[in-house]
Amino acid sequence: MIGLGSYAFFWQQSERVPEPLSLIDVFERTRELGVELFQICDYAPLLGMKAAEIRDAATAARELGLTIELGTKGVAVDHLATFLGLADVFGARLVRSMVYAPGFRPTLAEAEGLLRTALRDYEAADVTLALETYEQVPSSDLVDLVERIGSDSLGICLDPANNVAALELPKDVVERCAPYTRNIHAKDFAFARQDGWVGFTYGGARMGEGLHDYPHLLRTVDPGARGINQIVEHWLSWQGDPATTVAAEADWTRTALEYLRSNA
């Protein structure tokens, strides 16, 4: 299934725009685009919402016909338990996370122990925990971690764009992680010369116009046959003013949806 994530509405939910969208607003925009899946990912206000507000958001998602996934950072047992509780409220079957969280960088051995403990409840609830590929943990180490734990409820959220910052080639990351992939973050990326031709900036691109060989990812992972959801997100820099930035973000989202639907 093709879905949208919080990073597809990064600026539209930001305090830098005059009227930031609420979580329910984003749900409604998602359905207006003909999308039935939304991943609430790294959405900071979520943990500050009252129980009634969370229930209201979950009810709104159900009434709109949205399937919800969740996303956070870290492998602390209590934190993952909190998100498992949120998954129950939203009816989410997948929680995306990362090995590291702000202020907490366990060794891989420590992360393994924490994950083994947290996964007992995830397995009992039949909820998948998907650890994202990113530059702070080599993809080979992430695969080793998943293999050592060997739980059907643990997999990988594949986002090869992140690993470029650690000089990993996206195709290598895709091929290494494909057997364990349970979720995909779909975005494009590119390098651009800085002013004065001194160095490069690595950032986002409209889907299909950057360096990501997404057809290779589709052939290798085969998300349609395996029931792996593709979540649209962006690396869109501020475009100088709110109106221009919001318009660009909406355009990138429409482009990504058209691209993914045409390549499904």
C-alpha atoms as a PDB file:
ATOM      1  CA  MET A   1       0.000   0.000   0.000  1.00  0.00           C
ATOM      2  CA  ILE A   2       1.167   3.538  -0.744  1.00  0.00           C
ATOM      3  CA  GLY A   3       0.917   5.954   2.171  1.00  0.00           C
ATOM      4  CA  LEU A   4       1.944   9.378   3.375  1.00  0.00           C
ATOM      5  CA  GLY A   5       4.000  10.135   6.450  1.00  0.00           C
ATOM      6  CA  SER A   6       4.546  13.098   8.735  1.00  0.00           C
ATOM      7  CA  TYR A   7       7.619  14.137   6.767  1.00  0.00           C
ATOM      8  CA  ALA A   8       5.391  14.717   3.722  1.00  0.00           C
ATOM      9  CA  PHE A   9       3.727  17.467   5.791  1.00  0.00           C
ATOM     10  CA  PHE A  10       6.862  18.660   7.583  1.00  0.00           C
ATOM     11  CA  TRP A  11       6.457  22.350   6.741  1.00  0.00           C
ATOM     12  CA  GLN A  12       2.663  22.334   6.714  1.00  0.00           C
ATOM     13  CA  GLN A  13       2.744  21.263  10.369  1.00  0.00           C
ATOM     14  CA  SER A  14       5.602  23.611  11.255  1.00  0.00           C
ATOM     15  CA  GLU A  15       5.252  26.722  13.381  1.00  0.00           C
ATOM     16  CA  ARG A  16       6.987  28.596  10.537  1.00  0.00           C
ATOM     17  CA  VAL A  17       3.710  28.672   8.598  1.00  0.00           C
ATOM     18  CA  PRO A  18       0.789  30.898   9.670  1.00  0.00           C
ATOM     19  CA  GLU A  19      -1.758  28.130  10.245  1.00  0.00           C
ATOM     20  CA  PRO A  20      -0.014  24.802  10.923  1.00  0.00           C
ATOM     21  CA  LEU A  21      -2.050  21.693  10.231  1.00  0.00           C
ATOM     22  CA  SER A  22      -3.168  19.593  13.163  1.00  0.00           C
ATOM     23  CA  LEU A  23      -2.863  15.827  13.143  1.00  0.00           C
ATOM     24  CA  ILE A  24      -6.512  15.451  12.163  1.00  0.00           C
ATOM     25  CA  ASP A  25      -6.039  18.099   9.445  1.00  0.00           C
ATOM     26  CA  VAL A  26      -3.240  15.971   8.008  1.00  0.00           C
ATOM     27  CA  PHE A  27      -5.464  12.891   8.090  1.00  0.00           C
ATOM     28  CA  GLU A  28      -8.094  14.793   6.110  1.00  0.00           C
ATOM     29  CA  ARG A  29      -5.539  16.043   3.553  1.00  0.00           C
ATOM     30  CA  THR A  30      -4.285  12.486   3.158  1.00  0.00           C
ATOM     31  CA  ARG A  31      -7.735  11.193   2.290  1.00  0.00           C
ATOM     32  CA  GLU A  32      -8.333  14.115  -0.079  1.00  0.00           C
ATOM     33  CA  LEU A  33      -5.333  12.818  -2.038  1.00  0.00           C
ATOM     34  CA  GLY A  34      -6.937   9.381  -2.310  1.00  0.00           C
ATOM     35  CA  VAL A  35      -4.525   7.805   0.170  1.00  0.00           C
ATOM     36  CA  GLU A  36      -5.672   5.328   2.825  1.00  0.00           C
ATOM     37  CA  LEU A  37      -2.464   4.939   4.872  1.00  0.00           C
ATOM     38  CA  PHE A  38      -0.690   7.435   7.109  1.00  0.00           C
ATOM     39  CA  GLN A  39       2.448   7.007   9.223  1.00  0.00           C
ATOM     40  CA  ILE A  40       2.626   9.323  12.240  1.00  0.00           C
ATOM     41  CA  CYS A  41       6.407   9.485  12.325  1.00  0.00           C
ATOM     42  CA  ASP A  42       8.589  11.539  14.682  1.00  0.00           C
ATOM     43  CA  TYR A  43       5.594  13.757  15.364  1.00  0.00           C
ATOM     44  CA  ALA A  44       6.719  15.418  18.594  1.00  0.00           C
ATOM     45  CA  PRO A  45       3.273  16.607  19.807  1.00  0.00           C
ATOM     46  CA  LEU A  46       1.989  13.020  19.933  1.00  0.00           C
ATOM     47  CA  LEU A  47       3.561  12.213  23.291  1.00  0.00           C
ATOM     48  CA  GLY A  48       2.252  15.468  24.752  1.00  0.00           C
ATOM     49  CA  MET A  49      -1.333  14.847  23.727  1.00  0.00           C
ATOM     50  CA  LYS A  50      -3.877  13.948  26.376  1.00  0.00           C
ATOM     51  CA  ALA A  51      -5.491  10.519  26.255  1.00  0.00           C
ATOM     52  CA  ALA A  52      -8.781  12.031  25.059  1.00  0.00           C
ATOM     53  CA  GLU A  53      -6.986  13.872  22.240  1.00  0.00           C
ATOM     54  CA  ILE A  54      -5.303  10.674  21.117  1.00  0.00           C
ATOM     55  CA  ARG A  55      -8.611   8.821  21.166  1.00  0.00           C
ATOM     56  CA  ASP A  56     -10.200  11.616  19.127  1.00  0.00           C
ATOM     57  CA  ALA A  57      -7.395  11.415  16.556  1.00  0.00           C
ATOM     58  CA  ALA A  58      -7.726   7.638  16.348  1.00  0.00           C
ATOM     59  CA  THR A  59     -11.491   7.949  15.907  1.00  0.00           C
ATOM     60  CA  ALA A  60     -11.006  10.520  13.144  1.00  0.00           C
ATOM     61  CA  ALA A  61      -8.583   8.206  11.353  1.00  0.00           C
ATOM     62  CA  ARG A  62     -11.044   5.321  11.521  1.00  0.00           C
ATOM     63  CA  GLU A  63     -13.936   7.450  10.297  1.00  0.00           C
ATOM     64  CA  LEU A  64     -11.815   8.616   7.356  1.00  0.00           C
ATOM     65  CA  GLY A  65     -10.927   5.020   6.504  1.00  0.00           C
ATOM     66  CA  LEU A  66      -7.232   5.516   7.267  1.00  0.00           C
ATOM     67  CA  THR A  67      -4.821   2.785   8.300  1.00  0.00           C
ATOM     68  CA  ILE A  68      -2.284   4.198  10.758  1.00  0.00           C
ATOM     69  CA  GLU A  69       1.367   3.330  11.347  1.00  0.00           C
ATOM     70  CA  LEU A  70       3.561   4.929  13.998  1.00  0.00           C
ATOM     71  CA  GLY A  71       7.165   6.108  14.039  1.00  0.00           C
ATOM     72  CA  THR A  72       9.579   7.043  16.812  1.00  0.00           C
ATOM     73  CA  LYS A  73      13.270   6.838  17.728  1.00  0.00           C
ATOM     74  CA  GLY A  74      15.138   4.627  20.155  1.00  0.00           C
ATOM     75  CA  VAL A  75      15.014   1.145  21.653  1.00  0.00           C
ATOM     76  CA  ALA A  76      14.441   1.893  25.339  1.00  0.00           C
ATOM     77  CA  VAL A  77      11.993  -0.710  26.620  1.00  0.00           C
ATOM     78  CA  ASP A  78       9.619   1.730  28.322  1.00  0.00           C
ATOM     79  CA  HIS A  79       9.571   3.999  25.272  1.00  0.00           C
ATOM     80  CA  LEU A  80       8.772   1.164  22.901  1.00  0.00           C
ATOM     81  CA  ALA A  81       6.072   0.011  25.318  1.00  0.00           C
ATOM     82  CA  THR A  82       4.528   3.480  25.170  1.00  0.00           C
ATOM     83  CA  PHE A  83       4.342   3.264  21.389  1.00  0.00           C
ATOM     84  CA  LEU A  84       2.909  -0.219  21.555  1.00  0.00           C
ATOM     85  CA  GLY A  85       0.145   1.256  23.697  1.00  0.00           C
ATOM     86  CA  LEU A  86      -0.395   3.992  21.110  1.00  0.00           C
ATOM     87  CA  ALA A  87      -0.458   1.342  18.396  1.00  0.00           C
ATOM     88  CA  ASP A  88      -3.310  -0.334  20.243  1.00  0.00           C
ATOM     89  CA  VAL A  89      -5.314   2.912  20.341  1.00  0.00           C
ATOM     90  CA  PHE A  90      -4.737   3.645  16.646  1.00  0.00           C
ATOM     91  CA  GLY A  91      -5.021   0.026  15.516  1.00  0.00           C
ATOM     92  CA  ALA A  92      -1.497   0.281  14.077  1.00  0.00           C
ATOM     93  CA  ARG A  93       0.275  -2.909  13.062  1.00  0.00           C
ATOM     94  CA  LEU A  94       3.722  -1.354  12.591  1.00  0.00           C
ATOM     95  CA  VAL A  95       5.980   0.913  14.615  1.00  0.00           C
ATOM     96  CA  ARG A  96       9.080   2.330  12.945  1.00  0.00           C
ATOM     97  CA  SER A  97      12.033   3.187  15.182  1.00  0.00           C
ATOM     98  CA  MET A  98      15.802   3.697  15.164  1.00  0.00           C
ATOM     99  CA  VAL A  99      18.581   2.214  17.265  1.00  0.00           C
ATOM    100  CA  TYR A 100      19.602   5.617  18.613  1.00  0.00           C
ATOM    101  CA  ALA A 101      17.457   8.336  20.135  1.00  0.00           C
ATOM    102  CA  PRO A 102      18.436  11.859  21.207  1.00  0.00           C
ATOM    103  CA  GLY A 103      20.495  11.488  24.363  1.00  0.00           C
ATOM    104  CA  PHE A 104      20.585   7.682  24.249  1.00  0.00           C
ATOM    105  CA  ARG A 105      23.127   5.805  22.135  1.00  0.00           C
ATOM    106  CA  PRO A 106      23.360   2.186  23.295  1.00  0.00           C
ATOM    107  CA  THR A 107      25.973  -0.185  21.965  1.00  0.00           C
ATOM    108  CA  LEU A 108      24.616  -2.738  19.531  1.00  0.00           C
ATOM    109  CA  ALA A 109      24.918  -5.384  22.247  1.00  0.00           C
ATOM    110  CA  GLU A 110      22.891  -3.210  24.619  1.00  0.00           C
ATOM    111  CA  ALA A 111      20.346  -2.510  21.876  1.00  0.00           C
ATOM    112  CA  GLU A 112      19.982  -6.240  21.283  1.00  0.00           C
ATOM    113  CA  GLY A 113      19.148  -6.843  24.930  1.00  0.00           C
ATOM    114  CA  LEU A 114      16.627  -4.020  25.016  1.00  0.00           C
ATOM    115  CA  LEU A 115      14.968  -5.162  21.812  1.00  0.00           C
ATOM    116  CA  ARG A 116      14.675  -8.761  22.991  1.00  0.00           C
ATOM    117  CA  THR A 117      12.825  -7.540  26.053  1.00  0.00           C
ATOM    118  CA  ALA A 118      10.557  -5.089  24.203  1.00  0.00           C
ATOM    119  CA  LEU A 119       9.730  -7.554  21.449  1.00  0.00           C
ATOM    120  CA  ARG A 120       8.022  -9.979  23.818  1.00  0.00           C
ATOM    121  CA  ASP A 121       5.056  -7.631  24.007  1.00  0.00           C
ATOM    122  CA  TYR A 122       5.242  -6.747  20.302  1.00  0.00           C
ATOM    123  CA  GLU A 123       5.111 -10.429  19.408  1.00  0.00           C
ATOM    124  CA  ALA A 124       2.159 -10.989  21.723  1.00  0.00           C
ATOM    125  CA  ALA A 125       0.326  -8.036  20.165  1.00  0.00           C
ATOM    126  CA  ASP A 126       1.265  -9.059  16.595  1.00  0.00           C
ATOM    127  CA  VAL A 127       2.792  -5.636  15.924  1.00  0.00           C
ATOM    128  CA  THR A 128       5.917  -5.244  13.808  1.00  0.00           C
ATOM    129  CA  LEU A 129       8.848  -3.108  14.934  1.00  0.00           C
ATOM    130  CA  ALA A 130      10.845  -1.838  11.929  1.00  0.00           C
ATOM    131  CA  LEU A 131      14.282  -0.306  12.538  1.00  0.00           C
ATOM    132  CA  GLU A 132      15.210   2.315   9.977  1.00  0.00           C
ATOM    133  CA  THR A 133      18.408   2.336   7.951  1.00  0.00           C
ATOM    134  CA  TYR A 134      20.408   5.476   8.597  1.00  0.00           C
ATOM    135  CA  GLU A 135      23.953   6.778   8.664  1.00  0.00           C
ATOM    136  CA  GLN A 136      24.686   6.236  12.357  1.00  0.00           C
ATOM    137  CA  VAL A 137      24.445   2.447  12.104  1.00  0.00           C
ATOM    138  CA  PRO A 138      25.988   0.679   9.083  1.00  0.00           C
ATOM    139  CA  SER A 139      23.387  -1.341   7.226  1.00  0.00           C
ATOM    140  CA  SER A 140      25.479  -4.491   7.699  1.00  0.00           C
ATOM    141  CA  ASP A 141      25.351  -3.976  11.484  1.00  0.00           C
ATOM    142  CA  LEU A 142      21.597  -3.373  11.350  1.00  0.00           C
ATOM    143  CA  VAL A 143      21.066  -6.590   9.380  1.00  0.00           C
ATOM    144  CA  ASP A 144      23.275  -8.494  11.833  1.00  0.00           C
ATOM    145  CA  LEU A 145      21.198  -7.154  14.724  1.00  0.00           C
ATOM    146  CA  VAL A 146      17.928  -8.231  13.134  1.00  0.00           C
ATOM    147  CA  GLU A 147      19.351 -11.641  12.240  1.00  0.00           C
ATOM    148  CA  ARG A 148      20.700 -12.280  15.743  1.00  0.00           C
ATOM    149  CA  ILE A 149      17.367 -11.491  17.385  1.00  0.00           C
ATOM    150  CA  GLY A 150      15.480 -13.553  14.822  1.00  0.00           C
ATOM    151  CA  SER A 151      11.974 -12.362  15.663  1.00  0.00           C
ATOM    152  CA  ASP A 152       9.166 -12.333  13.113  1.00  0.00           C
ATOM    153  CA  SER A 153       8.065  -9.070  14.739  1.00  0.00           C
ATOM    154  CA  LEU A 154      11.364  -7.303  13.996  1.00  0.00           C
ATOM    155  CA  GLY A 155      12.400  -6.009  10.599  1.00  0.00           C
ATOM    156  CA  ILE A 156      13.840  -3.039   8.761  1.00  0.00           C
ATOM    157  CA  CYS A 157      12.360   0.234   7.551  1.00  0.00           C
ATOM    158  CA  LEU A 158      14.288   0.743   4.325  1.00  0.00           C
ATOM    159  CA  ASP A 159      15.462   4.287   3.574  1.00  0.00           C
ATOM    160  CA  PRO A 160      18.740   4.061   1.641  1.00  0.00           C
ATOM    161  CA  ALA A 161      18.921   7.855   1.260  1.00  0.00           C
ATOM    162  CA  ASN A 162      20.039   8.113   4.884  1.00  0.00           C
ATOM    163  CA  ASN A 163      23.037   5.818   4.472  1.00  0.00           C
ATOM    164  CA  VAL A 164      24.624   7.952   1.770  1.00  0.00           C
ATOM    165  CA  ALA A 165      25.900  10.192   4.570  1.00  0.00           C
ATOM    166  CA  ALA A 166      28.046   7.252   5.729  1.00  0.00           C
ATOM    167  CA  LEU A 167      29.301   6.631   2.166  1.00  0.00           C
ATOM    168  CA  GLU A 168      27.108   3.582   1.640  1.00  0.00           C
ATOM    169  CA  LEU A 169      25.768   3.147  -1.880  1.00  0.00           C
ATOM    170  CA  PRO A 170      21.948   3.090  -1.947  1.00  0.00           C
ATOM    171  CA  LYS A 171      21.803  -0.021  -4.155  1.00  0.00           C
ATOM    172  CA  ASP A 172      24.057  -1.895  -1.716  1.00  0.00           C
ATOM    173  CA  VAL A 173      21.812  -0.925   1.201  1.00  0.00           C
ATOM    174  CA  VAL A 174      18.699  -2.006  -0.701  1.00  0.00           C
ATOM    175  CA  GLU A 175      20.139  -5.397  -1.636  1.00  0.00           C
ATOM    176  CA  ARG A 176      21.537  -6.048   1.842  1.00  0.00           C
ATOM    177  CA  CYS A 177      18.331  -5.125   3.649  1.00  0.00           C
ATOM    178  CA  ALA A 178      15.733  -6.427   1.192  1.00  0.00           C
ATOM    179  CA  PRO A 179      15.093  -9.801   2.892  1.00  0.00           C
ATOM    180  CA  TYR A 180      14.349  -8.068   6.197  1.00  0.00           C
ATOM    181  CA  THR A 181      12.438  -5.044   4.902  1.00  0.00           C
ATOM    182  CA  ARG A 182       9.004  -4.545   6.442  1.00  0.00           C
ATOM    183  CA  ASN A 183       8.441  -0.875   5.570  1.00  0.00           C
ATOM    184  CA  ILE A 184       9.805   1.620   3.018  1.00  0.00           C
ATOM    185  CA  HIS A 185      10.334   5.366   3.221  1.00  0.00           C
ATOM    186  CA  ALA A 186       9.958   6.587  -0.343  1.00  0.00           C
ATOM    187  CA  LYS A 187      11.782   9.772  -1.272  1.00  0.00           C
ATOM    188  CA  ASP A 188      14.297  10.949  -3.829  1.00  0.00           C
ATOM    189  CA  PHE A 189      17.597  12.720  -3.247  1.00  0.00           C
ATOM    190  CA  ALA A 190      20.356  14.574  -5.072  1.00  0.00           C
ATOM    191  CA  PHE A 191      23.579  16.532  -4.685  1.00  0.00           C
ATOM    192  CA  ALA A 192      23.775  20.186  -5.668  1.00  0.00           C
ATOM    193  CA  ARG A 193      26.805  22.454  -5.946  1.00  0.00           C
ATOM    194  CA  GLN A 194      26.991  25.139  -3.279  1.00  0.00           C
ATOM    195  CA  ASP A 195      27.363  28.769  -4.298  1.00  0.00           C
ATOM    196  CA  GLY A 196      30.879  29.462  -5.480  1.00  0.00           C
ATOM    197  CA  TRP A 197      31.354  25.819  -6.464  1.00  0.00           C
ATOM    198  CA  VAL A 198      32.872  25.029  -3.080  1.00  0.00           C
ATOM    199  CA  GLY A 199      31.381  21.720  -1.955  1.00  0.00           C
ATOM    200  CA  PHE A 200      27.983  20.127  -2.353  1.00  0.00           C
ATOM    201  CA  THR A 201      24.664  20.061  -0.555  1.00  0.00           C
ATOM    202  CA  TYR A 202      22.971  16.695  -0.164  1.00  0.00           C
ATOM    203  CA  GLY A 203      19.221  17.030  -0.026  1.00  0.00           C
ATOM    204  CA  GLY A 204      15.862  16.050  -1.397  1.00  0.00           C
ATOM    205  CA  ALA A 205      14.514  15.993  -4.926  1.00  0.00           C
ATOM    206  CA  ARG A 206      11.112  15.563  -6.508  1.00  0.00           C
ATOM    207  CA  MET A 207      10.417  11.856  -6.873  1.00  0.00           C
ATOM    208  CA  GLY A 208      11.854  10.509 -10.112  1.00  0.00           C
ATOM    209  CA  GLU A 209      14.119  13.507 -10.690  1.00  0.00           C
ATOM    210  CA  GLY A 210      16.974  12.670  -8.315  1.00  0.00           C
ATOM    211  CA  LEU A 211      19.605   9.947  -7.956  1.00  0.00           C
ATOM    212  CA  HIS A 212      17.512   7.245  -6.301  1.00  0.00           C
ATOM    213  CA  ASP A 213      17.133   4.223  -8.580  1.00  0.00           C
ATOM    214  CA  TYR A 214      13.695   3.465  -7.211  1.00  0.00           C
ATOM    215  CA  PRO A 215      12.883   0.880  -9.903  1.00  0.00           C
ATOM    216  CA  HIS A 216      15.861  -1.110  -8.576  1.00  0.00           C
ATOM    217  CA  LEU A 217      14.380  -0.938  -5.075  1.00  0.00           C
ATOM    218  CA  LEU A 218      11.014  -2.123  -6.384  1.00  0.00           C
ATOM    219  CA  ARG A 219      12.569  -5.030  -8.281  1.00  0.00           C
ATOM    220  CA  THR A 220      14.722  -6.052  -5.346  1.00  0.00           C
ATOM    221  CA  VAL A 221      12.237  -5.717  -2.494  1.00  0.00           C
ATOM    222  CA  ASP A 222       9.011  -6.406  -4.451  1.00  0.00           C
ATOM    223  CA  PRO A 223       6.809  -4.570  -1.931  1.00  0.00           C
ATOM    224  CA  GLY A 224       3.547  -5.318  -3.752  1.00  0.00           C
ATOM    225  CA  ALA A 225       3.984  -9.069  -3.592  1.00  0.00           C
ATOM    226  CA  ARG A 226       5.225  -8.966   0.004  1.00  0.00           C
ATOM    227  CA  GLY A 227       2.638  -6.538   1.370  1.00  0.00           C
ATOM    228  CA  ILE A 228       5.246  -3.924   2.305  1.00  0.00           C
ATOM    229  CA  ASN A 229       3.922  -0.382   2.608  1.00  0.00           C
ATOM    230  CA  GLN A 230       5.678   2.540   0.904  1.00  0.00           C
ATOM    231  CA  ILE A 231       5.499   5.777   2.899  1.00  0.00           C
ATOM    232  CA  VAL A 232       6.062   9.037   1.037  1.00  0.00           C
ATOM    233  CA  GLU A 233       8.274  11.588   2.756  1.00  0.00           C
ATOM    234  CA  HIS A 234      10.492  14.475   1.642  1.00  0.00           C
ATOM    235  CA  TRP A 235      13.746  16.261   2.316  1.00  0.00           C
ATOM    236  CA  LEU A 236      12.474  19.645   1.195  1.00  0.00           C
ATOM    237  CA  SER A 237      14.438  22.703   2.308  1.00  0.00           C
ATOM    238  CA  TRP A 238      12.749  25.978   3.212  1.00  0.00           C
ATOM    239  CA  GLN A 239      11.879  27.825   0.009  1.00  0.00           C
ATOM    240  CA  GLY A 240      12.166  31.375   1.326  1.00  0.00           C
ATOM    241  CA  ASP A 241       8.613  32.023   2.491  1.00  0.00           C
ATOM    242  CA  PRO A 242       5.681  30.004   3.864  1.00  0.00           C
ATOM    243  CA  ALA A 243       3.472  30.082   0.780  1.00  0.00           C
ATOM    244  CA  THR A 244       6.204  28.967  -1.606  1.00  0.00           C
ATOM    245  CA  THR A 245       7.391  26.254   0.754  1.00  0.00           C
ATOM    246  CA  VAL A 246       3.910  24.826   1.362  1.00  0.00           C
ATOM    247  CA  ALA A 247       3.154  24.869  -2.359  1.00  0.00           C
ATOM    248  CA  ALA A 248       6.409  23.037  -3.130  1.00  0.00           C
ATOM    249  CA  GLU A 249       5.723  20.451  -0.437  1.00  0.00           C
ATOM    250  CA  ALA A 250       2.259  19.761  -1.825  1.00  0.00           C
ATOM    251  CA  ASP A 251       3.687  19.508  -5.336  1.00  0.00           C
ATOM    252  CA  TRP A 252       6.357  17.027  -4.235  1.00  0.00           C
ATOM    253  CA  THR A 253       3.684  14.922  -2.540  1.00  0.00           C
ATOM    254  CA  ARG A 254       1.476  14.831  -5.637  1.00  0.00           C
ATOM    255  CA  THR A 255       4.503  13.984  -7.794  1.00  0.00           C
ATOM    256  CA  ALA A 256       5.582  11.166  -5.463  1.00  0.00           C
ATOM    257  CA  LEU A 257       2.099   9.661  -5.378  1.00  0.00           C
ATOM    258  CA  GLU A 258       1.846   9.771  -9.168  1.00  0.00           C
ATOM    259  CA  TYR A 259       5.282   8.185  -9.482  1.00  0.00           C
ATOM    260  CA  LEU A 260       4.575   5.361  -7.027  1.00  0.00           C
ATOM    261  CA  ARG A 261       1.135   4.658  -8.439  1.00  0.00           C
ATOM    262  CA  SER A 262       2.484   4.493 -11.976  1.00  0.00           C
ATOM    263  CA  ASN A 263       5.207   2.079 -10.885  1.00  0.00           C
ATOM    264  CA  ALA A 264       3.032  -0.119  -8.677  1.00  0.00           C
END
